[in-house]
Protein backbone atom coordinates (compact mmCIF):
# COMPACT_ATOMS: atom_id res chain seq x y z
CA MET A 1 115.69 46.59 98.61
CA GLY A 2 114.35 45.11 94.69
CA ARG A 3 112.14 42.08 94.78
CA LEU A 4 114.39 40.24 92.66
CA LYS A 5 117.58 41.53 94.24
CA ASP A 6 120.57 39.16 93.33
CA LYS A 7 118.28 36.98 90.89
CA VAL A 8 118.86 36.09 87.32
CA ALA A 9 115.78 35.70 85.00
CA ILE A 10 115.40 34.78 81.37
CA VAL A 11 112.92 36.52 79.77
CA VAL A 12 112.03 34.73 76.07
CA GLY A 13 110.07 36.57 73.93
CA ALA A 14 111.25 39.93 75.52
CA GLY A 15 110.69 42.02 72.25
CA GLN A 16 107.66 42.77 71.04
CA THR A 17 105.08 43.46 67.68
CA PRO A 18 105.80 47.06 66.93
CA GLY A 19 102.50 49.30 68.08
CA ASP A 20 101.95 52.42 70.05
CA THR A 21 101.52 50.48 73.32
CA ILE A 22 103.93 47.79 75.19
CA GLY A 23 103.99 44.15 74.75
CA ASN A 24 103.95 41.78 77.40
CA GLY A 25 107.16 40.57 77.52
CA ARG A 26 109.16 43.92 77.03
CA ALA A 27 107.05 44.92 80.22
CA THR A 28 108.09 41.93 81.99
CA ALA A 29 111.67 41.86 81.48
CA ILE A 30 111.34 45.78 82.47
CA ARG A 31 109.93 45.41 85.66
CA PHE A 32 112.77 42.23 86.41
CA ALA A 33 115.18 44.69 85.78
CA GLU A 34 113.73 47.66 87.79
CA GLU A 35 113.21 45.19 90.49
CA GLY A 36 116.98 44.30 90.38
CA ALA A 37 117.51 41.17 88.58
CA GLN A 38 120.29 40.92 85.83
CA VAL A 39 117.68 39.78 82.33
CA LEU A 40 118.78 37.70 79.74
CA LEU A 41 116.75 39.19 77.34
CA VAL A 42 115.78 36.71 74.58
CA ASP A 43 114.26 37.28 71.08
CA GLN A 44 114.54 36.39 67.49
CA HIS A 45 113.90 40.12 66.46
CA GLN A 46 117.00 42.12 66.92
CA GLU A 47 115.99 45.40 66.59
CA SER A 48 113.39 44.99 68.58
CA VAL A 49 114.91 43.10 71.87
CA GLU A 50 117.79 45.81 71.63
CA GLN A 51 114.85 48.69 72.38
CA THR A 52 114.00 46.34 75.14
CA LEU A 53 117.36 46.83 76.80
CA VAL A 54 117.46 50.42 75.81
CA MET A 55 114.74 50.63 77.71
CA LEU A 56 115.33 48.55 80.80
CA GLU A 57 118.74 50.36 80.94
CA ALA A 58 117.10 54.15 81.23
CA ARG A 59 115.64 52.83 84.27
CA GLY A 60 118.38 51.79 86.22
CA GLY A 61 118.40 47.87 84.92
CA ARG A 62 120.82 45.16 83.61
CA GLY A 63 120.38 43.22 81.16
CA SER A 64 121.77 41.77 78.22
CA VAL A 65 120.48 40.21 74.46
CA LEU A 66 120.65 36.95 73.25
CA LEU A 67 118.62 36.02 69.48
CA ALA A 68 117.33 32.74 69.35
CA ASP A 69 114.35 30.84 67.67
CA VAL A 70 112.94 29.04 70.55
CA THR A 71 111.00 26.61 68.78
CA ASP A 72 114.71 25.11 67.39
CA GLU A 73 116.13 23.00 70.49
CA ALA A 74 119.60 23.81 69.78
CA GLN A 75 118.89 27.65 70.05
CA CYS A 76 117.19 26.71 73.52
CA GLN A 77 119.85 24.73 74.93
CA ALA A 78 122.34 27.94 74.07
CA ILE A 79 120.02 30.37 75.92
CA ALA A 80 120.55 28.04 78.89
CA HIS A 81 124.77 27.93 78.45
CA THR A 82 124.68 31.42 77.47
CA CYS A 83 122.86 32.59 80.86
CA VAL A 84 124.55 30.49 83.04
CA HIS A 85 128.15 31.84 81.12
CA ARG A 86 126.93 35.73 81.45
CA TYR A 87 125.34 35.47 85.29
CA GLY A 88 126.65 32.48 86.81
CA ARG A 89 123.21 30.98 87.82
CA ILE A 90 119.08 30.72 86.64
CA ASP A 91 116.67 31.58 89.27
CA ILE A 92 114.06 33.01 86.73
CA LEU A 93 112.27 31.37 83.09
CA HIS A 94 109.91 33.07 81.60
CA ASN A 95 108.20 32.10 78.71
CA ASN A 96 106.52 34.78 76.60
CA VAL A 97 106.10 33.27 73.40
CA GLY A 98 102.80 32.86 71.58
CA THR A 99 101.13 33.40 68.00
CA GLY A 100 97.36 32.35 66.65
CA ALA A 101 98.29 33.50 63.49
CA GLY A 102 96.56 31.48 60.97
CA ASP A 103 94.32 29.76 63.06
CA CYS A 104 90.72 28.62 61.91
CA GLY A 105 88.33 26.19 62.71
CA PRO A 106 88.72 22.43 62.74
CA THR A 107 87.13 22.09 59.22
CA GLN A 108 89.50 24.27 57.56
CA MET A 109 92.68 23.67 59.86
CA SER A 110 95.81 22.59 57.89
CA GLU A 111 98.68 20.35 59.14
CA GLU A 112 101.17 23.28 58.63
CA THR A 113 99.22 25.74 60.59
CA TRP A 114 98.64 23.56 63.61
CA ASP A 115 101.82 22.13 63.54
CA ARG A 116 103.60 25.74 63.76
CA ILE A 117 100.98 27.01 66.46
CA PHE A 118 102.05 24.55 68.42
CA ALA A 119 105.79 24.73 67.97
CA ILE A 120 105.74 28.44 69.51
CA ASN A 121 103.12 28.18 71.78
CA LEU A 122 104.20 24.56 73.45
CA LYS A 123 107.08 22.87 72.47
CA SER A 124 108.99 26.12 72.39
CA ALA A 125 108.31 25.98 76.12
CA MET A 126 109.22 22.36 76.81
CA PHE A 127 112.53 23.03 75.06
CA THR A 128 113.71 26.28 77.23
CA CYS A 129 112.63 24.40 80.01
CA LYS A 130 114.46 20.98 79.57
CA HIS A 131 117.57 22.92 79.61
CA VAL A 132 117.16 25.72 82.36
CA LEU A 133 115.72 22.70 84.31
CA PRO A 134 119.14 21.17 85.11
CA VAL A 135 120.60 24.66 86.47
CA MET A 136 117.62 25.07 88.89
CA ARG A 137 118.05 21.26 90.17
CA ALA A 138 121.69 22.11 90.95
CA GLN A 139 120.74 25.02 92.52
CA ALA A 140 118.06 23.70 94.52
CA ALA A 141 115.51 26.81 93.79
CA GLY A 142 114.35 28.39 90.25
CA SER A 143 110.78 29.64 89.36
CA ILE A 144 109.40 29.18 85.90
CA ILE A 145 106.60 31.24 84.56
CA ASN A 146 104.57 30.03 81.03
CA ILE A 147 102.46 32.97 79.22
CA SER A 148 99.13 31.16 78.39
CA SER A 149 95.71 32.57 77.78
CA ILE A 150 92.26 32.43 79.13
CA ALA A 151 91.29 31.04 75.59
CA ALA A 152 92.57 28.02 76.98
CA ILE A 153 89.61 28.09 79.50
CA ALA A 154 87.40 29.73 77.45
CA SER A 155 85.13 29.59 74.30
CA THR A 156 87.31 30.69 71.07
CA GLY A 157 87.51 29.92 67.46
CA LEU A 158 91.30 29.84 67.71
CA VAL A 159 91.14 25.75 67.52
CA SER A 160 94.77 25.52 67.57
CA TYR A 161 95.91 28.50 70.03
CA LYS A 162 93.38 27.02 72.51
CA ALA A 163 94.50 23.60 72.46
CA SER A 164 98.06 24.49 72.45
CA LYS A 165 97.99 27.08 75.72
CA ALA A 166 95.85 24.39 77.55
CA ALA A 167 98.55 22.29 76.81
CA LEU A 168 101.00 24.32 78.43
CA ASN A 169 98.58 24.64 81.22
CA ALA A 170 99.21 21.30 81.86
CA TYR A 171 102.59 20.70 80.72
CA THR A 172 103.34 23.58 83.43
CA GLN A 173 101.24 21.58 86.14
CA SER A 174 103.37 18.65 85.64
CA LEU A 175 106.49 20.79 85.84
CA ALA A 176 105.15 22.18 89.18
CA THR A 177 104.47 18.33 90.35
CA GLY A 178 108.13 17.08 89.40
CA GLY A 179 110.15 20.39 90.33
CA ALA A 180 108.74 20.72 93.89
CA LYS A 181 111.17 18.62 95.70
CA TYR A 182 114.08 20.23 93.77
CA GLY A 183 112.55 23.35 95.11
CA ILE A 184 111.76 24.41 91.64
CA ARG A 185 108.46 26.58 91.13
CA ALA A 186 105.70 26.59 88.02
CA ASN A 187 103.07 28.56 87.43
CA VAL A 188 100.82 30.20 84.87
CA ILE A 189 99.62 33.65 83.46
CA MET A 190 96.54 33.35 81.56
CA PRO A 191 96.12 36.64 80.23
CA GLY A 192 92.72 38.20 78.98
CA LEU A 193 92.13 40.98 76.57
CA MET A 194 94.75 43.00 76.58
CA ASN A 195 95.66 46.48 75.09
CA THR A 196 98.95 45.02 73.87
CA PRO A 197 101.05 45.41 70.06
CA MET A 198 100.21 41.27 69.25
CA ALA A 199 96.44 41.58 70.85
CA ILE A 200 95.69 44.75 68.61
CA GLU A 201 98.40 45.41 65.81
CA THR A 202 97.66 41.72 64.32
CA TYR A 203 93.54 42.38 64.01
CA VAL A 204 93.90 45.64 62.55
CA ALA A 205 96.76 44.62 59.84
CA ALA A 206 93.84 41.89 59.12
CA GLY A 207 91.13 44.80 58.33
CA PHE A 208 89.41 45.58 61.52
CA GLU A 209 89.14 49.28 62.60
CA ARG A 210 91.05 49.99 65.39
CA ALA A 211 88.78 52.54 67.55
CA LYS A 212 85.92 49.60 66.90
CA LEU A 213 87.78 46.78 67.97
CA ILE A 214 89.50 48.66 70.99
CA GLU A 215 85.77 49.65 71.60
CA GLN A 216 84.21 45.86 71.19
CA ARG A 217 87.58 44.26 73.58
CA ASN A 218 86.88 46.71 76.27
CA ALA A 219 83.27 46.48 76.39
CA SER A 220 83.64 42.97 76.98
CA VAL A 221 85.70 43.06 80.01
CA PRO A 222 84.15 43.18 83.25
CA LEU A 223 86.25 44.83 85.73
CA GLY A 224 85.86 48.61 84.44
CA LYS A 225 84.77 47.78 80.75
CA GLN A 226 88.41 48.21 80.34
CA MET A 227 91.24 46.23 78.97
CA GLY A 228 94.23 45.03 80.91
CA SER A 229 97.84 46.32 79.35
CA ALA A 230 101.17 44.67 79.41
CA TRP A 231 102.40 46.06 83.01
CA ASP A 232 99.38 44.05 84.96
CA VAL A 233 100.92 40.76 83.52
CA ALA A 234 104.33 41.72 84.11
CA ASN A 235 103.16 42.53 88.01
CA ALA A 236 101.81 39.31 88.28
CA ALA A 237 104.97 37.65 86.71
CA LEU A 238 106.99 39.75 89.43
CA PHE A 239 104.78 38.05 92.36
CA LEU A 240 105.47 34.85 90.61
CA ALA A 241 108.83 35.01 89.68
CA SER A 242 110.00 36.74 93.50
CA ASP A 243 110.13 34.92 97.29
CA GLU A 244 106.67 36.44 98.23
CA ALA A 245 105.53 33.41 95.96
CA ARG A 246 107.79 31.06 97.28
CA PHE A 247 104.65 28.48 98.96
CA ILE A 248 102.81 29.00 94.98
CA THR A 249 103.44 26.37 92.49
CA GLY A 250 101.02 24.74 89.70
CA VAL A 251 98.87 28.06 89.80
CA CYS A 252 97.18 29.30 86.42
CA LEU A 253 96.46 32.84 87.37
CA PRO A 254 93.88 34.61 84.61
CA VAL A 255 95.31 38.20 84.75
CA ASP A 256 91.60 39.13 82.63
CA GLY A 257 89.49 41.76 85.13
CA GLY A 258 87.04 38.89 85.80
CA GLN A 259 86.22 37.62 82.20
CA SER A 260 86.86 34.15 83.46
CA VAL A 261 84.36 34.26 86.33
CA MET A 262 81.62 35.11 83.59
CA ILE A 263 82.46 32.01 81.46
CA GLY A 264 78.99 29.75 81.47
């Protein structure tokens, strides 16, 4: 029996940046489906998210695709409505979109960059939660998982990224406080250095040498001197989504090979 048998999950950001490895959203969608959930795969990139569906179905999973830009509230409302229309309920909302593109130090920060990063990293989660919460309240049950970053609590030169992820942590804690009386849990996962396409290919495109970048990132991880993979994030998400975590809410869970322990 799957750990998410009879559950319905929305995975926002179920596609991924092109690359040789697998991204957090795709891996999570696959793990949810492997454990019995029906999964609504949400992304704005059709080819990528449809590839996720192919991979999911090849492993015996069930799901469907919805294209959406989650910085637009009307499209986030449509995500909730579509999920209920197709599957009858919403048990899990997994928000996995994020960006640090164009981020910089405080004296070089443009208003456009600041607003775009906050729109993708924070406002999108607020919009999806706003329209999924009434469904979960009516069910008297639900699990919300927001993907943050250890950048929220660690030193980084990415000012807007850090601030938006710290705000996402705080927002999720507010969801946990308010949702408890409705049986709704809300938790955060904070990935550390991960070997995912978004983490690696973004820097390679900016001119970093791939092998050296991977070597430096591996060396920064205390546990085994090896970056994590998207499957590490997906397995953490699976636990938080499942009934095994029924008494866990408001948690900011590092999945980072011990990096956050080394702060200070």
